[in-house]
């Protein structure tokens, strides 16, 4: 590395979630110098385990970049982690030792919003296992829904799965007409409501969300019960997006694992107003790092 490069600032962005952790180092011009991957890095794992995963990811990025201690010490880091809104989480991570010039922590949803809009004001509607609307507008943070399944997360994969299981039991009883979706779902439980009850006692939001692809497949094939469930989910996401606009978001991006399959089911006015994402949560974390280096407020 040249002498001029050795005096340059560098920027590390980390995105940690329930399935994995990604890290990327860029120079001042935005050129990618190194990347790294590791396992899950969510606060639900505990501070020590989540930080160990973050460290594995950024150490791999540092190694790929060919950094020594001097370059690492001139690196500013932004880290977005799932569950960072838990009480005391930010303070716990900020107390950890690190090798960087500065480090700032945020929720992975905050970094996703920053990345989606290149750091400008805007909002995101997330439709995945759960659902939530989040935004940053003139220093004001927006949050719509996302209070947790089953009391919230309307329009999510978990919510679709719950509605499908409920409809399957209604179809089994003859309360509503049976359909291919409801028949296939009950077959998963050997057509025995007692098996559904036993499963329900231990099922998580993720377990319910595993039925969402089945619902979407049958909806695309014209199944009446599946179409009702998907239309209801789309109506909930419509409401989420419209509320974000109503509360001042100048732009909204739809994100999450169900964003692609659900978008064709959204209302035409909502689809017209949605904006494609500029970047992802790692891009947003690097924006945090650049702001930290400039002494600006992270969010």
Foldseek 3Di string as FASTA:
>chain_A
DDPVLLPFAKEKFWEAAQAWIKIWIATPVGDTQFIFIFGHQACVVPDVVNVVRVVRGVVRRCVSNVDDLSRQQRYFFFYAHAPCPPPPNQVVNVPDDDSYVYYHYYHLLQLQQCQQVVNDWFWEWEAELFTWIWTADPNDIDIDWPPFPPVTRFLHLLNLLVLLQVVLVCCLVVVDPDWPSSVVVCVVQVVDVVSVVVCVVPDDSVNSSVCSVVLLVVVVVPIPSSVVSLLRSQVVSLVNQVVRVVVPGPAYAYHYPCSVSNLVSHDPVSNVRHDGGNGGSSSSRRQLRVCVVVVHDSD
